[in-house]
Every structure is written in C-alpha cells, then in structure tokens.
N, C-alpha and C. Protein backbone atom coordinates (compact mmCIF):
# COMPACT_ATOMS: atom_id res chain seq x y z
N UNK A 1 8.77 7.12 -1.96
CA UNK A 1 8.12 6.50 -1.08
C UNK A 1 9.31 5.88 -0.35
N UNK A 2 10.67 5.05 -1.14
CA UNK A 2 11.03 4.14 0.01
C UNK A 2 12.46 4.14 0.32
N UNK A 3 12.62 5.95 0.89
CA UNK A 3 13.09 6.38 2.27
C UNK A 3 12.42 6.89 2.74
N UNK A 4 10.78 6.55 3.47
CA UNK A 4 10.19 7.51 4.03
C UNK A 4 10.19 6.15 5.51
N UNK A 5 10.59 7.22 6.52
CA UNK A 5 9.68 6.22 7.34
C UNK A 5 8.15 6.43 7.71
N UNK A 6 7.69 5.59 8.12
CA UNK A 6 5.85 6.10 8.65
C UNK A 6 6.21 6.99 9.41
N UNK A 7 4.75 7.52 9.97
CA UNK A 7 4.23 8.06 11.13
C UNK A 7 4.06 6.84 12.02
N UNK A 8 3.78 7.01 13.37
CA UNK A 8 3.91 6.32 14.69
C UNK A 8 2.46 6.10 15.01
N UNK A 9 1.60 6.87 14.18
CA UNK A 9 0.29 6.94 13.77
C UNK A 9 -0.43 5.73 13.23
N UNK A 10 0.49 4.86 12.17
CA UNK A 10 0.02 4.27 11.23
C UNK A 10 0.36 3.15 12.11
N UNK A 11 -0.36 1.80 11.37
CA UNK A 11 -0.41 0.82 13.18
C UNK A 11 -0.43 -0.58 11.76
N UNK A 12 -0.86 0.47 10.24
CA UNK A 12 -0.86 -1.12 9.82
C UNK A 12 -1.17 -0.88 8.48
N UNK A 13 -1.04 -1.54 6.88
CA UNK A 13 -0.51 -1.29 5.62
C UNK A 13 -1.44 -2.72 5.15
N UNK A 14 -2.83 -2.82 3.94
CA UNK A 14 -3.09 -3.57 3.54
C UNK A 14 -3.09 -3.59 2.16
N UNK A 15 -2.62 -4.49 1.72
CA UNK A 15 -2.64 -4.44 0.74
C UNK A 15 -3.74 -5.20 -0.46
N UNK A 16 -5.01 -5.06 -1.46
CA UNK A 16 -5.84 -6.21 -1.77
C UNK A 16 -5.60 -6.13 -3.11
N UNK A 17 -5.03 -6.99 -4.12
CA UNK A 17 -4.84 -6.89 -5.15
C UNK A 17 -4.97 -8.55 -5.87
N UNK A 18 -4.80 -8.52 -7.23
CA UNK A 18 -5.77 -9.90 -7.91
C UNK A 18 -3.56 -9.88 -8.65
N UNK A 19 -3.96 -11.47 -8.17
CA UNK A 19 -2.55 -12.34 -8.79
C UNK A 19 -2.58 -12.10 -10.37
N UNK A 20 -3.50 -11.96 -11.14
CA UNK A 20 -2.80 -11.87 -12.75
C UNK A 20 -4.24 -11.00 -13.40
N UNK A 21 -4.91 -10.16 -12.98
CA UNK A 21 -6.04 -8.98 -13.38
C UNK A 21 -4.78 -7.76 -13.69
N UNK A 22 -5.29 -7.86 -14.58
CA UNK A 22 -4.26 -6.42 -15.99
C UNK A 22 -4.11 -4.97 -14.93
N UNK A 23 -5.25 -4.69 -14.61
CA UNK A 23 -5.55 -3.32 -13.78
C UNK A 23 -4.65 -3.62 -12.49
N UNK A 24 -4.18 -4.94 -11.94
CA UNK A 24 -3.65 -5.01 -10.48
C UNK A 24 -2.10 -4.11 -10.67
N UNK A 25 -1.65 -4.69 -12.03
CA UNK A 25 0.42 -4.68 -12.84
C UNK A 25 0.99 -3.68 -12.05
N UNK A 26 -0.09 -1.97 -11.98
CA UNK A 26 0.60 -1.40 -11.81
C UNK A 26 1.11 -1.36 -9.79
N UNK A 27 0.06 -1.85 -9.43
CA UNK A 27 0.45 -2.11 -7.47
C UNK A 27 0.85 -3.34 -7.01
N UNK A 28 1.07 -4.30 -7.93
CA UNK A 28 1.62 -5.36 -8.25
C UNK A 28 3.12 -5.01 -8.57
N UNK A 29 3.62 -3.77 -9.26
CA UNK A 29 4.66 -3.02 -9.72
C UNK A 29 5.54 -2.83 -8.72
N UNK A 30 4.34 -1.27 -8.07
CA UNK A 30 4.84 -0.77 -7.30
C UNK A 30 5.39 -1.52 -6.29
N UNK A 31 4.60 -2.71 -5.39
CA UNK A 31 5.25 -3.59 -4.20
C UNK A 31 6.33 -4.49 -4.48
N UNK A 32 6.57 -4.66 -5.83
CA UNK A 32 8.45 -5.12 -5.61
C UNK A 32 8.93 -4.51 -5.78
N UNK A 33 8.92 -3.15 -6.27
CA UNK A 33 10.13 -2.11 -5.72
C UNK A 33 9.99 -1.53 -4.89
N UNK A 34 9.31 -1.62 -3.90
CA UNK A 34 9.41 -0.26 -2.81
C UNK A 34 8.96 -1.30 -1.52
N UNK A 35 8.59 -2.72 -1.69
CA UNK A 35 8.16 -3.18 0.04
C UNK A 35 9.34 -3.33 0.66
N UNK A 36 10.31 -4.16 -0.36
CA UNK A 36 11.73 -4.47 0.01
C UNK A 36 12.22 -2.83 1.25
N UNK A 37 12.28 -1.86 0.96
CA UNK A 37 12.81 -0.70 1.34
C UNK A 37 11.39 -0.08 2.60
N UNK A 38 10.44 -0.33 2.32
CA UNK A 38 9.54 0.63 3.37
C UNK A 38 9.24 -0.71 4.18
N UNK A 39 10.28 -2.36 4.13
CA UNK A 39 9.58 -2.75 5.02
C UNK A 39 10.71 -2.68 5.68
N UNK A 40 12.38 -2.71 5.18
CA UNK A 40 13.12 -1.96 6.02
C UNK A 40 13.34 -1.18 6.65
N UNK A 41 13.07 0.12 6.28
CA UNK A 41 12.69 1.92 7.36
C UNK A 41 11.36 1.41 7.84
N UNK A 42 10.51 0.28 8.26
CA UNK A 42 9.90 0.23 9.55
C UNK A 42 9.39 -1.51 9.84
N UNK A 43 10.14 -1.90 10.26
CA UNK A 43 10.21 -3.41 10.83
C UNK A 43 9.05 -3.47 11.55
N UNK A 44 8.84 -2.57 12.65
CA UNK A 44 7.45 -2.90 13.19
C UNK A 44 5.96 -2.69 12.66
N UNK A 45 5.92 -2.53 11.67
CA UNK A 45 4.61 -2.24 10.81
C UNK A 45 4.39 -3.56 9.97
N UNK A 46 3.05 -3.80 10.26
CA UNK A 46 2.91 -4.45 9.16
C UNK A 46 1.91 -4.05 7.87
N UNK A 47 2.86 -4.55 7.66
CA UNK A 47 2.85 -4.46 6.04
C UNK A 47 2.14 -5.29 5.18
N UNK A 48 0.63 -6.03 4.52
CA UNK A 48 -0.31 -6.96 4.81
C UNK A 48 -0.21 -7.18 2.59
N UNK A 49 0.18 -8.09 2.74
CA UNK A 49 -0.75 -8.43 1.17
C UNK A 49 -1.23 -9.60 0.90
N UNK A 50 -2.45 -9.09 0.12
CA UNK A 50 -3.64 -9.57 0.32
C UNK A 50 -4.24 -10.64 -1.10
N UNK A 51 -3.62 -11.23 -1.81
CA UNK A 51 -4.24 -11.67 -3.00
C UNK A 51 -5.48 -12.44 -3.11
N UNK A 52 -6.18 -12.14 -3.97
CA UNK A 52 -7.17 -12.69 -4.41
C UNK A 52 -7.92 -13.10 -6.08
N UNK A 53 -7.96 -13.50 -6.52
CA UNK A 53 -9.08 -14.27 -7.66
C UNK A 53 -9.79 -12.82 -8.53
N UNK A 54 -9.90 -11.40 -8.69
CA UNK A 54 -10.59 -11.10 -8.99
C UNK A 54 -10.52 -8.96 -8.02
N UNK A 55 -9.83 -9.42 -7.67
CA UNK A 55 -9.47 -8.53 -5.83
C UNK A 55 -9.81 -7.06 -7.31
N UNK A 56 -9.44 -6.46 -6.73
CA UNK A 56 -9.01 -4.93 -7.77
C UNK A 56 -8.77 -4.63 -6.29
N UNK A 57 -6.98 -2.97 -6.79
CA UNK A 57 -6.42 -3.25 -6.54
C UNK A 57 -6.47 -2.15 -5.37
N UNK A 58 -6.52 -2.09 -3.97
CA UNK A 58 -6.87 -1.33 -2.90
C UNK A 58 -5.89 -1.35 -2.01
N UNK A 59 -5.35 -0.32 -1.60
CA UNK A 59 -4.75 -0.08 -0.03
C UNK A 59 -5.56 0.33 1.73
N UNK A 60 -5.93 -0.01 2.71
CA UNK A 60 -5.97 0.03 3.47
C UNK A 60 -5.36 0.50 3.99
N UNK A 61 -5.33 1.89 4.73
CA UNK A 61 -4.18 2.27 5.94
C UNK A 61 -5.20 1.96 7.36
N UNK A 62 -4.42 1.24 8.26
CA UNK A 62 -4.98 1.57 9.70
C UNK A 62 -4.07 2.40 11.24
N UNK A 63 -5.00 3.01 11.29
CA UNK A 63 -3.94 4.40 12.20
C UNK A 63 -4.43 4.25 13.31
N UNK A 64 -4.15 4.97 14.59
CA UNK A 64 -4.63 5.00 15.88
C UNK A 64 -6.04 4.77 16.12
N UNK A 65 -5.95 4.91 17.34
CA UNK A 65 -7.58 4.12 17.89
C UNK A 65 -9.08 3.42 16.75
N UNK A 66 -7.75 2.59 16.09
CA UNK A 66 -8.93 1.59 14.65
C UNK A 66 -9.29 3.06 13.71
N UNK A 67 -8.81 3.32 13.83
CA UNK A 67 -9.05 4.12 12.48
C UNK A 67 -8.96 4.43 11.40
N UNK A 68 -9.50 3.58 10.05
CA UNK A 68 -9.19 2.78 8.96
C UNK A 68 -9.76 4.03 7.48
N UNK A 69 -8.47 3.72 6.47
CA UNK A 69 -8.73 4.30 4.94
C UNK A 69 -9.02 3.16 4.30
N UNK A 70 -9.14 3.56 3.73
CA UNK A 70 -9.44 2.60 2.39
C UNK A 70 -9.27 3.49 0.59
N UNK A 71 -8.25 3.22 0.49
CA UNK A 71 -8.27 3.77 -1.58
C UNK A 71 -7.87 3.10 -2.09
N UNK A 72 -9.41 3.07 -3.37
CA UNK A 72 -9.18 2.38 -4.18
C UNK A 72 -8.33 3.20 -5.97
N UNK A 73 -7.21 1.79 -5.75
CA UNK A 73 -5.61 2.34 -7.20
C UNK A 73 -6.31 2.45 -8.19
N UNK A 74 -7.59 1.67 -8.56
CA UNK A 74 -7.92 0.98 -9.81
C UNK A 74 -7.74 1.93 -11.22
N UNK A 75 -7.23 1.73 -11.94
CA UNK A 75 -6.88 2.90 -13.13
C UNK A 75 -5.49 3.86 -12.65
N UNK A 76 -5.00 3.55 -11.64
CA UNK A 76 -3.36 4.25 -11.01
C UNK A 76 -2.15 3.54 -11.88
N UNK A 77 -1.29 3.81 -12.08
CA UNK A 77 -0.23 3.59 -12.48
C UNK A 77 1.03 3.84 -11.71
N UNK A 78 2.22 3.01 -11.50
CA UNK A 78 2.52 3.11 -10.12
C UNK A 78 3.50 4.39 -9.53
N UNK A 79 3.51 5.73 -10.59
CA UNK A 79 3.91 6.71 -9.63
C UNK A 79 2.44 7.25 -9.00
N UNK A 80 2.21 7.45 -9.99
CA UNK A 80 -0.09 7.81 -8.82
C UNK A 80 0.17 6.62 -7.90
N UNK A 81 0.31 5.86 -8.23
CA UNK A 81 -0.02 5.47 -6.40
C UNK A 81 1.22 5.85 -4.93
N UNK A 82 1.97 5.85 -5.59
CA UNK A 82 3.22 6.16 -4.94
C UNK A 82 1.91 7.54 -4.41
N UNK A 83 2.08 8.49 -5.03
CA UNK A 83 1.44 9.16 -4.54
C UNK A 83 0.13 9.58 -4.05
N UNK A 84 -0.39 8.73 -4.04
CA UNK A 84 -2.08 8.09 -3.44
C UNK A 84 -1.62 7.70 -1.73
N UNK A 85 -0.74 7.33 -2.14
CA UNK A 85 -0.03 6.24 -1.11
C UNK A 85 0.73 7.58 0.03
N UNK A 86 1.10 8.31 -0.12
CA UNK A 86 1.71 9.45 0.94
C UNK A 86 1.28 10.27 1.21
N UNK A 87 0.03 10.18 0.44
CA UNK A 87 -1.21 11.14 0.94
C UNK A 87 -1.68 10.65 1.95
N UNK A 88 -1.88 9.58 1.33
CA UNK A 88 -2.98 8.31 2.60
C UNK A 88 -2.24 8.55 3.70
N UNK A 89 -0.50 8.50 3.88
CA UNK A 89 0.31 8.38 4.96
C UNK A 89 0.50 9.61 5.44
N UNK A 90 -0.12 10.54 4.70
CA UNK A 90 0.69 11.97 5.39
C UNK A 90 2.50 12.53 5.52
N UNK A 91 2.65 12.13 4.29
CA UNK A 91 4.01 12.09 3.96
C UNK A 91 4.21 11.97 3.31
C-alpha cells in the first residue's frame, strides 16, 4: 500500500479504532507503518484517524458525489487490512 497513489475519485479516508482494545491492534500497526507514506503520496487527501473507547476497527472511504463505503476490519490482521483497503480503493 505504501507505494500507491490513490485514484482522484477518493475524496476522504476515515479510520475508526479504539486506543486500547485488542481488536484494534492490527489497525493501529497498519496505520503506524503505512500512514506516513500514504499521506506523502496523497498530500491533498484527508486521511482521518478517529479514536474512541470501545470503537470497532472500521474504515470509511468517501468517493465522488458523496458516495461512502464502510468496511469492518474487526478480526483482520495487518496484511488483510491492507488487502481490504486496496479492494475498497480499487488499487
């Protein structure tokens, strides 16, 4: 994921996760390793990280014309999260 420039149709990526819950650990690990390069390759794209107690690991992607897609990432490991995000983004 770290080497991809995202399609222009993607207008926002929003991650929801818990700061301490075990279920969010793979998403936290993914974000620690991938966020810097993802942001560097897509500097104008809002990539939001929302942390809340007991939040389930989830990603929301907003596309053109306000279309938003939600994907539950609960139970996935770091590489599966990357695969799901690639599928969701069409890359």
